[in-house]
């Protein structure tokens, strides 16, 4: 077989639509755009979901549920995965699990679940653990320590701004200015004139 013997799979290459090539082609005159209207104009680009003034579908459908702003998804790891990947007496942390490819970096950290069996004594430090997983770890002689939830970058930035913001110093009250010395002789002169009269 040579290069010139190669052929495309039937239907892989379709002929280009040639518009405005006469009425016999089926796409002559208005080139398949119809008469007048917004879609017949050049430069037309319809926005997704636009229905021409009618209430769009994504606004007609009911809304269900909500997303809690302080609840983030956590990656899960089961005790049977720890049984395969760690030795007796090892310490298990989210950083080690991420390094060994057992979990992915998730905003909510790592949650331990109880699928499978565990026979090794492990010291596990994760952000969450199910009751069944905790019971299996403690039955094998290990311990489970719950870590604090990791903070978002926005929260860390806001806390850093609060810490670095300078404390506002109280503004001192304005001191009362003494009366100018030039006014005192004038008062004395007025008093002496009144006595002479």
C-alpha atoms as a PDB file:
ATOM      1  CA  UNK A   1       0.000   0.000   0.000  1.00  0.00           C
ATOM      2  CA  UNK A   2       1.252   3.451  -0.938  1.00  0.00           C
ATOM      3  CA  UNK A   3       0.271   6.888   0.270  1.00  0.00           C
ATOM      4  CA  UNK A   4      -1.827   7.506  -2.816  1.00  0.00           C
ATOM      5  CA  UNK A   5      -3.823   4.354  -2.051  1.00  0.00           C
ATOM      6  CA  UNK A   6      -5.054   5.659   1.311  1.00  0.00           C
ATOM      7  CA  UNK A   7      -8.682   6.738   1.399  1.00  0.00           C
ATOM      8  CA  UNK A   8     -10.823   8.402   4.020  1.00  0.00           C
ATOM      9  CA  UNK A   9     -13.518   6.522   5.870  1.00  0.00           C
ATOM     10  CA  UNK A  10     -16.882   7.119   4.173  1.00  0.00           C
ATOM     11  CA  UNK A  11     -18.534  10.127   5.801  1.00  0.00           C
ATOM     12  CA  UNK A  12     -15.313  11.430   7.382  1.00  0.00           C
ATOM     13  CA  UNK A  13     -15.032  14.315   4.929  1.00  0.00           C
ATOM     14  CA  UNK A  14     -18.147  16.237   3.981  1.00  0.00           C
ATOM     15  CA  UNK A  15     -18.446  18.808   1.248  1.00  0.00           C
ATOM     16  CA  UNK A  16     -18.454  22.409   2.309  1.00  0.00           C
ATOM     17  CA  UNK A  17     -21.827  24.190   2.186  1.00  0.00           C
ATOM     18  CA  UNK A  18     -21.658  26.675  -0.709  1.00  0.00           C
ATOM     19  CA  UNK A  19     -24.332  29.330  -0.234  1.00  0.00           C
ATOM     20  CA  UNK A  20     -25.500  31.965  -2.698  1.00  0.00           C
ATOM     21  CA  UNK A  21     -24.806  29.871  -5.795  1.00  0.00           C
ATOM     22  CA  UNK A  22     -28.175  30.071  -7.492  1.00  0.00           C
ATOM     23  CA  UNK A  23     -31.705  28.818  -6.801  1.00  0.00           C
ATOM     24  CA  UNK A  24     -30.933  25.331  -8.052  1.00  0.00           C
ATOM     25  CA  UNK A  25     -28.562  24.665  -5.149  1.00  0.00           C
ATOM     26  CA  UNK A  26     -31.286  25.165  -2.546  1.00  0.00           C
ATOM     27  CA  UNK A  27     -29.178  27.777  -0.781  1.00  0.00           C
ATOM     28  CA  UNK A  28     -29.344  30.616  -3.290  1.00  0.00           C
ATOM     29  CA  UNK A  29     -30.694  34.154  -2.919  1.00  0.00           C
ATOM     30  CA  UNK A  30     -31.062  34.443   0.898  1.00  0.00           C
ATOM     31  CA  UNK A  31     -28.431  31.687   1.472  1.00  0.00           C
ATOM     32  CA  UNK A  32     -30.593  29.785   3.948  1.00  0.00           C
ATOM     33  CA  UNK A  33     -31.156  32.788   6.219  1.00  0.00           C
ATOM     34  CA  UNK A  34     -34.764  33.480   5.270  1.00  0.00           C
ATOM     35  CA  UNK A  35     -36.325  36.927   4.891  1.00  0.00           C
ATOM     36  CA  UNK A  36     -35.557  39.766   7.311  1.00  0.00           C
ATOM     37  CA  UNK A  37     -35.281  39.407  11.053  1.00  0.00           C
ATOM     38  CA  UNK A  38     -32.371  39.407  13.430  1.00  0.00           C
ATOM     39  CA  UNK A  39     -30.934  36.102  12.231  1.00  0.00           C
ATOM     40  CA  UNK A  40     -30.764  37.274   8.643  1.00  0.00           C
ATOM     41  CA  UNK A  41     -28.361  40.120   9.460  1.00  0.00           C
ATOM     42  CA  UNK A  42     -24.613  39.917   9.248  1.00  0.00           C
ATOM     43  CA  UNK A  43     -22.826  39.805  12.586  1.00  0.00           C
ATOM     44  CA  UNK A  44     -25.710  38.041  14.330  1.00  0.00           C
ATOM     45  CA  UNK A  45     -24.664  36.022  17.369  1.00  0.00           C
ATOM     46  CA  UNK A  46     -27.411  34.802  19.690  1.00  0.00           C
ATOM     47  CA  UNK A  47     -26.691  34.761  23.413  1.00  0.00           C
ATOM     48  CA  UNK A  48     -26.982  31.381  25.105  1.00  0.00           C
ATOM     49  CA  UNK A  49     -30.480  30.876  26.482  1.00  0.00           C
ATOM     50  CA  UNK A  50     -31.935  33.900  24.705  1.00  0.00           C
ATOM     51  CA  UNK A  51     -35.551  33.352  23.666  1.00  0.00           C
ATOM     52  CA  UNK A  52     -36.362  36.742  22.192  1.00  0.00           C
ATOM     53  CA  UNK A  53     -38.067  38.344  25.186  1.00  0.00           C
ATOM     54  CA  UNK A  54     -39.778  35.183  26.389  1.00  0.00           C
ATOM     55  CA  UNK A  55     -38.813  34.066  29.872  1.00  0.00           C
ATOM     56  CA  UNK A  56     -35.776  31.833  29.214  1.00  0.00           C
ATOM     57  CA  UNK A  57     -35.766  28.198  30.220  1.00  0.00           C
ATOM     58  CA  UNK A  58     -33.128  28.541  32.932  1.00  0.00           C
ATOM     59  CA  UNK A  59     -35.333  31.130  34.671  1.00  0.00           C
ATOM     60  CA  UNK A  60     -38.582  29.173  34.223  1.00  0.00           C
ATOM     61  CA  UNK A  61     -37.259  26.051  35.953  1.00  0.00           C
ATOM     62  CA  UNK A  62     -37.494  25.814  39.769  1.00  0.00           C
ATOM     63  CA  UNK A  63     -34.373  26.157  41.862  1.00  0.00           C
ATOM     64  CA  UNK A  64     -33.460  23.380  44.297  1.00  0.00           C
ATOM     65  CA  UNK A  65     -30.985  23.380  47.165  1.00  0.00           C
ATOM     66  CA  UNK A  66     -28.095  25.705  47.878  1.00  0.00           C
ATOM     67  CA  UNK A  67     -24.329  25.677  48.343  1.00  0.00           C
ATOM     68  CA  UNK A  68     -23.070  26.328  51.845  1.00  0.00           C
ATOM     69  CA  UNK A  69     -20.301  28.925  51.677  1.00  0.00           C
ATOM     70  CA  UNK A  70     -18.265  27.364  54.493  1.00  0.00           C
ATOM     71  CA  UNK A  71     -18.732  23.718  53.521  1.00  0.00           C
ATOM     72  CA  UNK A  72     -16.204  22.487  50.991  1.00  0.00           C
ATOM     73  CA  UNK A  73     -15.819  19.083  49.329  1.00  0.00           C
ATOM     74  CA  UNK A  74     -13.268  16.752  50.915  1.00  0.00           C
ATOM     75  CA  UNK A  75     -11.375  13.911  49.272  1.00  0.00           C
ATOM     76  CA  UNK A  76     -11.957  10.487  50.772  1.00  0.00           C
ATOM     77  CA  UNK A  77      -9.628   7.622  51.636  1.00  0.00           C
ATOM     78  CA  UNK A  78     -10.682   4.230  52.974  1.00  0.00           C
ATOM     79  CA  UNK A  79      -8.928   2.155  55.595  1.00  0.00           C
ATOM     80  CA  UNK A  80      -8.182  -0.639  53.096  1.00  0.00           C
ATOM     81  CA  UNK A  81      -6.085   1.838  51.083  1.00  0.00           C
ATOM     82  CA  UNK A  82      -4.097   2.673  54.222  1.00  0.00           C
ATOM     83  CA  UNK A  83      -3.653  -1.049  54.863  1.00  0.00           C
ATOM     84  CA  UNK A  84      -1.942  -1.441  51.463  1.00  0.00           C
ATOM     85  CA  UNK A  85       0.105   1.773  51.428  1.00  0.00           C
ATOM     86  CA  UNK A  86       1.480   2.024  54.996  1.00  0.00           C
ATOM     87  CA  UNK A  87       3.458  -0.090  57.392  1.00  0.00           C
ATOM     88  CA  UNK A  88       2.739  -0.824  61.032  1.00  0.00           C
ATOM     89  CA  UNK A  89       3.432   2.228  63.218  1.00  0.00           C
ATOM     90  CA  UNK A  90       3.440   4.807  60.393  1.00  0.00           C
ATOM     91  CA  UNK A  91       1.987   8.294  60.707  1.00  0.00           C
ATOM     92  CA  UNK A  92      -0.653   9.261  58.137  1.00  0.00           C
ATOM     93  CA  UNK A  93      -1.207  12.944  57.285  1.00  0.00           C
ATOM     94  CA  UNK A  94      -2.916  14.681  54.355  1.00  0.00           C
ATOM     95  CA  UNK A  95       0.479  15.751  52.980  1.00  0.00           C
ATOM     96  CA  UNK A  96       1.739  12.139  52.949  1.00  0.00           C
ATOM     97  CA  UNK A  97      -1.494  10.881  51.379  1.00  0.00           C
ATOM     98  CA  UNK A  98      -1.199  13.540  48.661  1.00  0.00           C
ATOM     99  CA  UNK A  99       2.446  12.668  48.059  1.00  0.00           C
ATOM    100  CA  UNK A 100       1.631   8.974  47.603  1.00  0.00           C
ATOM    101  CA  UNK A 101      -1.287   9.710  45.279  1.00  0.00           C
ATOM    102  CA  UNK A 102      -4.016   8.341  47.535  1.00  0.00           C
ATOM    103  CA  UNK A 103      -5.953  11.620  47.583  1.00  0.00           C
ATOM    104  CA  UNK A 104      -6.204  14.835  45.614  1.00  0.00           C
ATOM    105  CA  UNK A 105      -5.864  18.350  46.923  1.00  0.00           C
ATOM    106  CA  UNK A 106      -9.406  19.396  47.926  1.00  0.00           C
ATOM    107  CA  UNK A 107     -10.643  22.521  49.750  1.00  0.00           C
ATOM    108  CA  UNK A 108     -12.134  20.461  52.582  1.00  0.00           C
ATOM    109  CA  UNK A 109      -9.043  18.325  53.213  1.00  0.00           C
ATOM    110  CA  UNK A 110      -9.266  14.535  53.695  1.00  0.00           C
ATOM    111  CA  UNK A 111     -12.016  12.380  55.199  1.00  0.00           C
ATOM    112  CA  UNK A 112     -11.371   8.825  56.368  1.00  0.00           C
ATOM    113  CA  UNK A 113     -14.011   6.193  55.578  1.00  0.00           C
ATOM    114  CA  UNK A 114     -14.328   2.628  56.873  1.00  0.00           C
ATOM    115  CA  UNK A 115     -14.411   0.457  53.727  1.00  0.00           C
ATOM    116  CA  UNK A 116     -12.288  -2.672  54.102  1.00  0.00           C
ATOM    117  CA  UNK A 117     -10.256  -3.986  57.009  1.00  0.00           C
ATOM    118  CA  UNK A 118      -7.284  -2.539  58.906  1.00  0.00           C
ATOM    119  CA  UNK A 119      -4.788  -4.644  60.876  1.00  0.00           C
ATOM    120  CA  UNK A 120      -1.917  -2.141  61.267  1.00  0.00           C
ATOM    121  CA  UNK A 121      -1.398   0.337  64.080  1.00  0.00           C
ATOM    122  CA  UNK A 122      -1.436   3.789  62.463  1.00  0.00           C
ATOM    123  CA  UNK A 123      -1.444   7.348  63.743  1.00  0.00           C
ATOM    124  CA  UNK A 124      -3.888   9.117  61.418  1.00  0.00           C
ATOM    125  CA  UNK A 125      -4.335  12.896  61.206  1.00  0.00           C
ATOM    126  CA  UNK A 126      -7.151  13.983  58.881  1.00  0.00           C
ATOM    127  CA  UNK A 127      -9.839  16.672  58.713  1.00  0.00           C
ATOM    128  CA  UNK A 128     -12.767  14.237  59.223  1.00  0.00           C
ATOM    129  CA  UNK A 129     -13.449  10.565  59.888  1.00  0.00           C
ATOM    130  CA  UNK A 130     -16.568   8.426  59.925  1.00  0.00           C
ATOM    131  CA  UNK A 131     -17.503   6.561  63.135  1.00  0.00           C
ATOM    132  CA  UNK A 132     -16.919   3.194  61.459  1.00  0.00           C
ATOM    133  CA  UNK A 133     -13.444   4.172  60.280  1.00  0.00           C
ATOM    134  CA  UNK A 134     -12.511   5.501  63.712  1.00  0.00           C
ATOM    135  CA  UNK A 135     -13.667   2.247  65.345  1.00  0.00           C
ATOM    136  CA  UNK A 136     -11.561   0.120  62.973  1.00  0.00           C
ATOM    137  CA  UNK A 137      -8.448   2.248  63.507  1.00  0.00           C
ATOM    138  CA  UNK A 138      -8.804   2.128  67.293  1.00  0.00           C
ATOM    139  CA  UNK A 139      -9.515  -1.623  67.201  1.00  0.00           C
ATOM    140  CA  UNK A 140      -6.158  -2.100  65.434  1.00  0.00           C
ATOM    141  CA  UNK A 141      -4.427  -0.050  68.152  1.00  0.00           C
ATOM    142  CA  UNK A 142      -4.112   3.200  66.225  1.00  0.00           C
ATOM    143  CA  UNK A 143      -5.395   6.699  66.840  1.00  0.00           C
ATOM    144  CA  UNK A 144      -7.340   9.252  64.809  1.00  0.00           C
ATOM    145  CA  UNK A 145      -6.698  12.968  65.273  1.00  0.00           C
ATOM    146  CA  UNK A 146      -9.053  15.494  63.688  1.00  0.00           C
ATOM    147  CA  UNK A 147      -7.285  18.477  62.140  1.00  0.00           C
ATOM    148  CA  UNK A 148      -8.741  21.927  61.618  1.00  0.00           C
ATOM    149  CA  UNK A 149     -10.320  22.692  58.276  1.00  0.00           C
ATOM    150  CA  UNK A 150      -7.906  24.381  55.847  1.00  0.00           C
ATOM    151  CA  UNK A 151      -8.597  28.060  55.317  1.00  0.00           C
ATOM    152  CA  UNK A 152      -9.423  29.595  51.980  1.00  0.00           C
ATOM    153  CA  UNK A 153      -7.023  32.012  50.343  1.00  0.00           C
ATOM    154  CA  UNK A 154      -9.580  34.820  50.698  1.00  0.00           C
ATOM    155  CA  UNK A 155      -9.878  34.263  54.461  1.00  0.00           C
ATOM    156  CA  UNK A 156      -6.086  34.181  54.899  1.00  0.00           C
ATOM    157  CA  UNK A 157      -5.743  37.413  52.931  1.00  0.00           C
ATOM    158  CA  UNK A 158      -8.445  39.152  54.987  1.00  0.00           C
ATOM    159  CA  UNK A 159      -6.869  38.000  58.266  1.00  0.00           C
ATOM    160  CA  UNK A 160      -3.454  39.225  57.089  1.00  0.00           C
ATOM    161  CA  UNK A 161      -4.928  42.626  56.256  1.00  0.00           C
ATOM    162  CA  UNK A 162      -6.488  42.876  59.719  1.00  0.00           C
ATOM    163  CA  UNK A 163      -3.186  41.973  61.399  1.00  0.00           C
ATOM    164  CA  UNK A 164      -1.100  44.397  59.332  1.00  0.00           C
ATOM    165  CA  UNK A 165      -3.561  47.310  59.559  1.00  0.00           C
ATOM    166  CA  UNK A 166      -2.115  50.073  61.821  1.00  0.00           C
ATOM    167  CA  UNK A 167      -4.045  50.866  64.970  1.00  0.00           C
ATOM    168  CA  UNK A 168      -5.921  54.145  64.856  1.00  0.00           C
ATOM    169  CA  UNK A 169      -4.399  56.651  67.274  1.00  0.00           C
ATOM    170  CA  UNK A 170      -6.866  58.878  69.152  1.00  0.00           C
ATOM    171  CA  UNK A 171      -6.772  62.442  67.928  1.00  0.00           C
ATOM    172  CA  UNK A 172      -5.791  64.870  70.753  1.00  0.00           C
ATOM    173  CA  UNK A 173      -8.324  67.506  71.714  1.00  0.00           C
ATOM    174  CA  UNK A 174      -7.431  70.986  70.434  1.00  0.00           C
ATOM    175  CA  UNK A 175      -5.753  73.117  73.116  1.00  0.00           C
ATOM    176  CA  UNK A 176      -7.398  76.402  74.047  1.00  0.00           C
ATOM    177  CA  UNK A 177      -5.389  79.285  72.672  1.00  0.00           C
ATOM    178  CA  UNK A 178      -4.637  82.116  75.159  1.00  0.00           C
ATOM    179  CA  UNK A 179      -6.038  85.529  74.389  1.00  0.00           C
ATOM    180  CA  UNK A 180      -3.627  87.667  72.375  1.00  0.00           C
ATOM    181  CA  UNK A 181      -1.573  90.092  74.445  1.00  0.00           C
ATOM    182  CA  UNK A 182      -2.594  93.035  72.233  1.00  0.00           C
ATOM    183  CA  UNK A 183      -6.200  92.930  73.538  1.00  0.00           C
ATOM    184  CA  UNK A 184      -5.273  93.367  77.223  1.00  0.00           C
ATOM    185  CA  UNK A 185      -3.958  97.002  76.993  1.00  0.00           C
ATOM    186  CA  UNK A 186      -7.021  98.007  74.998  1.00  0.00           C
ATOM    187  CA  UNK A 187      -9.307  96.812  77.807  1.00  0.00           C
ATOM    188  CA  UNK A 188      -7.254  98.700  80.386  1.00  0.00           C
ATOM    189  CA  UNK A 189      -7.403 101.885  78.284  1.00  0.00           C
ATOM    190  CA  UNK A 190     -11.200 101.661  78.057  1.00  0.00           C
ATOM    191  CA  UNK A 191     -11.477 101.238  81.840  1.00  0.00           C
ATOM    192  CA  UNK A 192      -9.259 104.250  82.506  1.00  0.00           C
ATOM    193  CA  UNK A 193     -11.302 106.433  80.123  1.00  0.00           C
ATOM    194  CA  UNK A 194     -14.521 105.475  81.945  1.00  0.00           C
ATOM    195  CA  UNK A 195     -12.981 106.434  85.333  1.00  0.00           C
ATOM    196  CA  UNK A 196     -11.897 109.859  84.020  1.00  0.00           C
ATOM    197  CA  UNK A 197     -15.413 110.611  82.779  1.00  0.00           C
END
